[in-house]
Protein backbone atom coordinates (compact mmCIF):
# COMPACT_ATOMS: atom_id res chain seq x y z
CA MET A 1 8.16 -36.78 14.42
CA ASN A 2 4.80 -36.96 16.23
CA VAL A 3 3.88 -39.44 18.98
CA ASP A 4 2.11 -41.83 16.57
CA GLY A 5 5.17 -41.80 14.33
CA LYS A 6 7.43 -42.63 17.27
CA ILE A 7 5.18 -45.51 18.33
CA LYS A 8 5.16 -46.96 14.82
CA THR A 9 8.92 -46.66 14.52
CA ILE A 10 9.54 -48.32 17.89
CA SER A 11 7.08 -51.09 16.96
CA LEU A 12 9.14 -51.81 13.85
CA TRP A 13 12.24 -51.96 16.03
CA VAL A 14 10.51 -54.55 18.27
CA PHE A 15 9.76 -56.65 15.19
CA PHE A 16 13.38 -56.55 13.99
CA VAL A 17 14.82 -57.23 17.44
CA PHE A 18 12.90 -60.47 17.90
CA SER A 19 12.65 -61.68 14.31
CA VAL A 20 16.30 -61.36 13.27
CA PRO A 21 17.75 -63.65 15.97
CA ILE A 22 15.03 -66.25 15.32
CA CYS A 23 15.87 -66.32 11.61
CA ALA A 24 19.59 -66.72 12.28
CA GLN A 25 21.10 -70.18 12.41
CA VAL A 26 23.01 -71.18 15.53
CA LYS A 27 25.81 -73.70 15.01
CA ASP A 28 29.13 -74.67 16.58
CA SER A 29 32.15 -72.35 16.79
CA THR A 30 33.72 -73.66 13.57
CA ALA A 31 30.60 -73.31 11.39
CA SER A 32 30.68 -71.22 8.21
CA GLY A 33 27.90 -69.79 6.07
CA PHE A 34 25.19 -67.15 5.81
CA LEU A 35 22.85 -66.08 8.63
CA ILE A 36 24.95 -67.83 11.24
CA LYS A 37 25.30 -66.10 14.58
CA ARG A 38 28.95 -65.51 15.43
CA ASP A 39 30.30 -66.68 18.81
CA PHE A 40 32.85 -63.89 19.16
CA GLY A 41 33.16 -60.13 18.80
CA GLN A 42 30.11 -59.10 20.79
CA TYR A 43 29.89 -55.65 22.34
CA TYR A 44 31.40 -54.56 25.64
CA VAL A 45 28.74 -53.91 28.28
CA SER A 46 30.07 -50.34 28.64
CA ASP A 47 30.00 -49.58 24.89
CA ILE A 48 27.69 -46.57 24.78
CA TYR A 49 26.68 -47.42 21.19
CA SER A 50 25.99 -51.10 21.88
CA PRO A 51 22.65 -52.38 20.47
CA ALA A 52 22.06 -54.56 23.55
CA ASN A 53 18.57 -54.25 25.06
CA ARG A 54 18.62 -52.17 28.24
CA ILE A 55 16.33 -50.68 30.85
CA GLN A 56 18.12 -48.05 32.95
CA SER A 57 16.94 -45.67 35.64
CA GLY A 58 18.94 -43.23 37.68
CA SER A 59 19.70 -39.70 38.81
CA VAL A 60 20.84 -37.00 36.35
CA PRO A 61 21.25 -33.20 36.56
CA ASN A 62 18.08 -31.18 35.99
CA ALA A 63 19.04 -28.92 33.07
CA THR A 64 17.06 -25.95 31.75
CA ASP A 65 17.35 -27.34 28.20
CA TYR A 66 15.06 -30.29 28.98
CA ASN A 67 13.16 -29.25 32.13
CA ASN A 68 9.67 -28.37 30.89
CA ASN A 69 8.32 -27.95 34.44
CA ARG A 70 9.24 -24.42 35.55
CA ASN A 71 8.01 -25.18 39.08
CA ARG A 72 10.56 -27.97 39.50
CA THR A 73 13.77 -26.53 40.93
CA ALA A 74 15.46 -29.77 42.06
CA GLN A 75 19.13 -30.10 41.14
CA LYS A 76 18.70 -33.79 40.28
CA ILE A 77 15.86 -35.72 38.62
CA ILE A 78 15.14 -39.41 38.05
CA VAL A 79 15.01 -40.51 34.41
CA LEU A 80 14.20 -43.74 32.61
CA GLU A 81 16.05 -44.96 29.54
CA PHE A 82 15.17 -47.81 27.16
CA THR A 83 17.44 -49.22 24.48
CA LEU A 84 15.93 -51.71 22.05
CA GLY A 85 18.35 -53.24 19.59
CA THR A 86 19.71 -56.28 17.81
CA ASP A 87 22.81 -57.59 16.13
CA ILE A 88 22.11 -58.81 12.57
CA PRO A 89 24.15 -61.93 11.68
CA LEU A 90 25.04 -62.04 7.97
CA TYR A 91 28.03 -64.32 7.38
CA VAL A 92 30.63 -66.33 9.32
CA LYS A 93 33.70 -68.09 7.95
CA THR A 94 36.58 -70.10 9.40
CA LEU A 95 39.72 -69.21 7.49
CA LYS A 96 42.39 -71.94 7.39
CA LEU A 97 45.93 -70.59 7.48
CA TRP A 98 49.30 -72.29 7.42
CA LYS A 99 49.63 -71.49 11.13
CA GLY A 100 46.19 -72.27 12.53
CA THR A 101 42.85 -70.66 11.72
CA MET A 102 41.08 -67.32 11.96
CA ARG A 103 37.41 -66.52 12.41
CA PHE A 104 35.77 -63.96 10.11
CA ALA A 105 32.27 -62.50 10.39
CA VAL A 106 30.06 -59.90 8.72
CA ALA A 107 27.12 -58.40 10.63
CA GLY A 108 24.91 -55.37 11.01
CA SER A 109 23.17 -53.66 13.92
CA LEU A 110 19.97 -51.75 14.70
CA SER A 111 19.00 -49.91 17.88
CA ALA A 112 16.75 -47.20 19.26
CA ASN A 113 17.26 -45.38 22.55
CA VAL A 114 14.38 -43.56 24.28
CA TRP A 115 15.00 -41.16 27.19
CA PHE A 116 12.05 -40.30 29.52
CA ASP A 117 11.59 -37.74 32.28
CA CYS A 118 9.64 -40.37 34.19
CA LEU A 119 8.77 -38.58 37.48
CA ASN A 120 7.82 -35.17 36.10
CA ARG A 121 4.60 -34.26 37.90
CA GLN A 122 3.47 -32.02 35.05
CA SER A 123 3.81 -34.77 32.42
CA VAL A 124 6.11 -37.64 31.44
CA PRO A 125 7.74 -36.27 28.31
CA ILE A 126 10.01 -38.12 25.93
CA LEU A 127 13.18 -36.07 26.11
CA ASN A 128 15.05 -37.67 23.23
CA VAL A 129 15.06 -40.64 20.84
CA ASP A 130 18.22 -41.88 19.09
CA TYR A 131 18.03 -44.19 16.06
CA ARG A 132 21.17 -46.09 15.00
CA ALA A 133 22.05 -48.54 12.25
CA GLY A 134 25.32 -50.07 11.11
CA LEU A 135 26.18 -52.09 7.98
CA PRO A 136 28.48 -53.82 7.27
CA GLU A 137 30.51 -54.57 10.39
CA LEU A 138 33.54 -56.82 9.81
CA TYR A 139 35.19 -58.98 12.48
CA LEU A 140 38.44 -60.93 12.31
CA LEU A 141 39.67 -62.96 15.31
CA LYS A 142 42.95 -64.86 15.69
CA GLU A 143 43.51 -67.30 18.57
CA ILE A 144 46.89 -66.84 20.28
CA ASN A 145 46.71 -68.64 23.67
CA LYS A 146 50.17 -67.65 24.85
CA GLY A 147 50.27 -66.65 28.49
CA PHE A 148 48.04 -63.64 29.18
CA LEU A 149 47.17 -63.15 25.51
CA LYS A 150 44.31 -65.42 24.45
CA ASN A 151 43.31 -63.81 21.14
CA VAL A 152 43.39 -60.65 19.06
CA MET A 153 40.37 -59.26 17.21
CA ILE A 154 40.00 -56.47 14.65
CA ARG A 155 36.61 -54.82 14.07
CA LEU A 156 35.75 -52.48 11.18
CA ALA A 157 32.33 -50.82 10.99
CA LEU A 158 32.27 -49.35 7.51
CA LEU A 159 29.05 -47.34 7.76
CA GLN A 160 27.09 -46.31 10.84
CA HIS A 161 24.13 -43.93 10.78
CA GLU A 162 22.60 -42.07 13.71
CA SER A 163 19.70 -39.64 13.78
CA THR A 164 18.09 -38.13 16.88
CA HIS A 165 14.88 -36.27 17.74
CA ILE A 166 13.74 -34.55 20.92
CA GLY A 167 10.17 -35.24 22.04
CA ASP A 168 7.33 -33.16 20.57
CA GLU A 169 6.15 -32.01 24.00
CA LEU A 170 9.61 -30.75 24.87
CA ALA A 171 10.00 -29.08 21.46
CA LEU A 172 6.71 -27.25 21.93
CA PHE A 173 7.77 -26.09 25.39
CA ARG A 174 11.09 -24.78 24.08
CA LYS A 175 9.35 -22.91 21.27
CA GLU A 176 6.74 -21.30 23.53
CA ALA A 177 9.42 -20.40 26.11
CA GLY A 178 11.33 -18.48 23.44
CA PHE A 179 14.49 -20.59 23.23
CA PRO A 180 16.57 -19.40 20.24
CA ILE A 181 17.06 -23.09 19.37
CA THR A 182 14.02 -25.38 19.46
CA ARG A 183 15.28 -28.45 17.59
CA VAL A 184 18.62 -29.54 16.22
CA ASN A 185 18.64 -32.10 13.42
CA VAL A 186 21.44 -34.41 14.58
CA SER A 187 22.00 -36.83 11.69
CA TYR A 188 25.32 -38.18 10.46
CA GLU A 189 27.33 -41.19 9.24
CA THR A 190 30.57 -42.53 10.72
CA GLY A 191 33.05 -45.36 10.33
CA GLU A 192 34.74 -47.15 13.21
CA ALA A 193 37.83 -49.29 13.75
CA SER A 194 39.08 -51.07 16.88
CA VAL A 195 41.56 -53.69 18.09
CA THR A 196 40.64 -55.96 21.00
CA LEU A 197 42.89 -58.18 23.12
CA ASN A 198 41.16 -61.15 24.77
CA ASP A 199 37.69 -60.84 23.27
CA PRO A 200 35.35 -61.38 26.26
CA TRP A 201 32.85 -63.51 24.29
CA SER A 202 35.25 -66.09 22.90
CA THR A 203 36.30 -67.66 26.20
CA GLY A 204 34.39 -69.20 29.11
CA SER A 205 37.14 -68.58 31.68
CA ASN A 206 38.06 -65.55 33.78
CA ASN A 207 39.13 -62.85 31.36
CA HIS A 208 40.65 -59.37 31.23
CA SER A 209 39.80 -57.71 27.93
CA PHE A 210 41.20 -54.49 26.46
CA SER A 211 40.14 -52.53 23.39
CA ILE A 212 41.28 -49.35 21.67
CA GLY A 213 39.53 -47.70 18.75
CA GLY A 214 37.94 -44.66 17.22
CA LYS A 215 35.05 -43.28 15.17
CA PHE A 216 35.45 -40.87 12.28
CA LEU A 217 32.81 -38.70 10.63
CA TYR A 218 32.22 -39.13 6.89
CA PRO A 219 31.98 -35.85 4.93
CA PHE A 220 28.61 -36.75 3.37
CA HIS A 221 26.93 -33.57 4.66
CA GLY A 222 29.61 -31.07 3.73
CA SER A 223 30.74 -28.50 6.25
CA ARG A 224 27.81 -28.79 8.66
CA GLY A 225 29.28 -31.86 10.35
CA TYR A 226 27.08 -33.79 12.78
CA TYR A 227 23.95 -31.63 12.68
CA SER A 228 21.90 -28.93 10.97
CA MET A 229 19.19 -26.47 12.03
CA ALA A 230 16.05 -25.57 10.08
CA SER A 231 15.06 -21.90 10.05
CA ALA A 232 11.70 -22.82 11.59
CA ASP A 233 13.43 -24.47 14.56
CA ALA A 234 16.28 -22.08 15.29
CA ASP A 235 17.57 -18.58 14.84
CA PRO A 236 20.03 -18.88 11.91
CA ALA A 237 22.53 -16.89 13.95
CA ALA A 238 22.56 -19.69 16.55
CA PHE A 239 23.98 -22.28 14.15
CA VAL A 240 27.60 -23.23 14.74
CA ALA A 241 28.96 -25.93 12.42
CA SER A 242 30.91 -28.78 14.01
CA LYS A 243 34.56 -28.93 12.97
CA ARG A 244 35.96 -31.96 14.76
CA ARG A 245 35.66 -35.31 13.04
CA VAL A 246 37.25 -38.05 15.20
CA GLU A 247 36.44 -39.60 18.59
CA GLY A 248 38.77 -42.08 20.27
CA TYR A 249 38.16 -44.55 23.09
CA ILE A 250 39.69 -47.27 25.25
CA ARG A 251 37.75 -50.03 27.00
CA TYR A 252 38.37 -52.62 29.70
CA GLN A 253 36.16 -55.51 30.79
CA TYR A 254 36.60 -58.19 33.44
CA ASP A 255 34.49 -61.37 33.24
CA GLY A 256 34.75 -63.76 36.19
CA PRO A 257 32.73 -66.94 35.53
CA SER A 258 35.21 -68.96 37.62
CA GLY A 259 35.78 -66.30 40.28
CA PRO A 260 34.77 -66.34 43.97
CA LEU A 261 32.04 -63.72 43.47
CA ARG A 262 29.94 -65.93 41.20
CA ILE A 263 26.38 -66.38 42.46
CA GLY A 264 24.74 -69.48 40.98
CA ARG A 265 24.37 -68.92 37.25
CA PHE A 266 25.48 -65.30 37.50
CA TYR A 267 29.11 -64.17 37.45
CA PRO A 268 30.71 -60.75 38.12
CA VAL A 269 31.40 -58.30 35.30
CA VAL A 270 33.13 -54.91 35.44
CA SER A 271 33.18 -52.94 32.20
CA ALA A 272 34.49 -49.42 31.61
CA GLU A 273 34.81 -47.11 28.62
CA LEU A 274 36.78 -43.86 28.45
CA ARG A 275 35.84 -41.92 25.33
CA GLU A 276 37.05 -38.54 24.10
CA ARG A 277 33.74 -37.21 22.82
CA ILE A 278 32.93 -34.09 20.85
CA ARG A 279 30.77 -31.63 22.75
CA PHE A 280 28.70 -29.73 20.19
CA GLY A 281 29.39 -26.01 19.97
CA TYR A 282 25.96 -24.35 19.79
CA SER A 283 24.56 -22.52 22.82
CA LEU A 284 22.92 -24.06 25.86
CA TYR A 285 20.59 -22.40 28.36
CA GLU A 286 20.64 -21.94 32.13
CA SER A 287 17.91 -20.82 34.49
CA ASP A 288 17.95 -17.09 35.27
CA LYS A 289 15.00 -15.64 37.20
CA SER A 290 16.14 -12.10 36.46
CA SER A 291 15.72 -12.66 32.71
CA PRO A 292 12.32 -11.91 31.07
CA ASN A 293 12.30 -15.44 29.56
CA GLY A 294 13.55 -17.13 32.73
CA PHE A 295 16.82 -18.31 31.18
CA ARG A 296 20.13 -17.02 29.87
CA THR A 297 22.20 -18.13 26.91
CA VAL A 298 25.59 -19.78 27.53
CA THR A 299 28.04 -20.15 24.65
CA LEU A 300 30.97 -22.47 25.28
CA GLY A 301 32.09 -23.54 21.79
CA GLU A 302 32.91 -26.98 20.46
CA GLU A 303 35.56 -29.01 22.27
CA TYR A 304 36.68 -32.51 23.15
CA ALA A 305 35.50 -33.79 26.53
CA PRO A 306 36.51 -37.01 28.34
CA CYS A 307 33.51 -39.22 29.14
CA ILE A 308 33.57 -42.33 31.31
CA ASN A 309 30.92 -45.07 31.32
CA ILE A 310 31.13 -47.84 33.97
CA TYR A 311 28.98 -50.93 34.57
CA ALA A 312 29.57 -53.26 37.53
CA GLY A 313 27.31 -56.21 38.35
CA TRP A 314 26.48 -59.79 37.47
CA ARG A 315 25.69 -61.44 34.16
CA GLN A 316 24.07 -64.78 33.42
CA VAL A 317 26.24 -67.63 32.16
CA LYS A 318 25.40 -68.27 28.51
CA THR A 319 24.31 -71.91 28.33
CA SER A 320 23.02 -71.87 24.76
CA GLN A 321 23.50 -69.84 21.59
CA ASN A 322 19.73 -70.08 21.07
CA ILE A 323 18.86 -67.66 23.86
CA GLY A 324 20.24 -64.40 25.16
CA ARG A 325 21.55 -63.67 28.61
CA LEU A 326 20.50 -61.26 31.31
CA GLY A 327 22.63 -58.98 33.47
CA GLY A 328 22.01 -56.56 36.31
CA TYR A 329 24.43 -53.68 36.94
CA PHE A 330 25.18 -50.51 38.81
CA ARG A 331 25.96 -47.83 36.22
CA TYR A 332 27.91 -44.59 36.50
CA TYR A 333 28.46 -42.13 33.65
CA SER A 334 30.20 -38.76 33.68
CA GLY A 335 30.93 -36.38 30.80
CA ILE A 336 28.82 -34.56 28.23
CA ASN A 337 25.13 -35.32 27.94
CA PRO A 338 25.12 -38.31 25.50
CA HIS A 339 21.56 -37.81 24.21
CA GLY A 340 20.96 -36.30 20.76
CA GLN A 341 20.96 -32.52 20.52
CA PHE A 342 21.84 -32.25 24.22
CA ARG A 343 25.44 -33.24 23.46
CA ASN A 344 26.29 -29.57 23.86
CA ILE A 345 25.75 -29.82 27.65
CA PRO A 346 28.85 -30.45 29.83
CA GLY A 347 28.93 -31.69 33.42
CA PHE A 348 26.33 -34.42 32.89
CA SER A 349 26.27 -37.55 35.03
CA PHE A 350 24.14 -40.65 35.53
CA LEU A 351 24.08 -42.85 38.64
CA GLY A 352 21.62 -45.71 38.77
CA LEU A 353 20.71 -49.27 37.87
CA ALA A 354 20.67 -51.09 34.54
CA VAL A 355 19.17 -54.36 33.35
CA VAL A 356 20.83 -55.57 30.13
CA TYR A 357 19.63 -58.37 27.85
CA GLU A 358 22.15 -59.44 25.23
CA ILE A 359 20.79 -61.51 22.35
């Protein structure tokens, strides 16, 4: 996709992000009907696939796979990351049972993540763009309110699509430098299921929330798995099909609106995700000055790798369903590179700041 194409696509995402919430109706917590924004089951701050709007900047390893400035030998570089997304409210229903009620909701999601090498003196290339969509996503919440346990929620995302593209400038650099793999077409569909105890969005008091779940790859693309490689973009011998199909995760989040660390309208939040992710099995490249091309090929093979994603900071108290809320966080990530075709790179980390706006 060329630069103009990326700009047009991101512009469409801006339109959806701001038009969908405006079109949705906002009513009380017992309302039922179509296009009503649910008041429960929102995403954890640390959910790496959350469609929440984010601006993040921090330090990451400087890898040969995405360093298009051969004169830059620093071990760490500063990057900038934007996520533009929205939750799409479709339907909410209060189900009356013989022992109380349950809340049911159907929704969708859209997001785009853009990763920049923002301080590259040679240029400021787009390293990667991820596009994600999910529909339908089903939510079912039951109030318990017995001791520690406030509620239980089940979430089923029946179909999620993700496709990713490295930037054109980086692709051209990789081709001219003689990399055996220029582009990888990462495009796939998954389903997801999770169970949450003490949903953090359904209570206004101090809360400890726990979630366990997993994603599974649908076999829509046959044996190739998560990605494919065109002959024009890669040596056919470099293709290694992905075999693993399931990723599991656990999450924890503390919200402290009544705690001692609250500052005015902002209260402390700590959110963490531990995910067993699949590191893709095709080769990566490392700098090697003794090589004619300046790099050497490293083949590690596909494997599971533990990845941790932590946010700690303060989030605005939500005073109205009509507007979103802002949060500022310190963020730490460690595991495989989470961006597109670079998910074959181990030993990746991010340490920096994040501003999150949840609609």
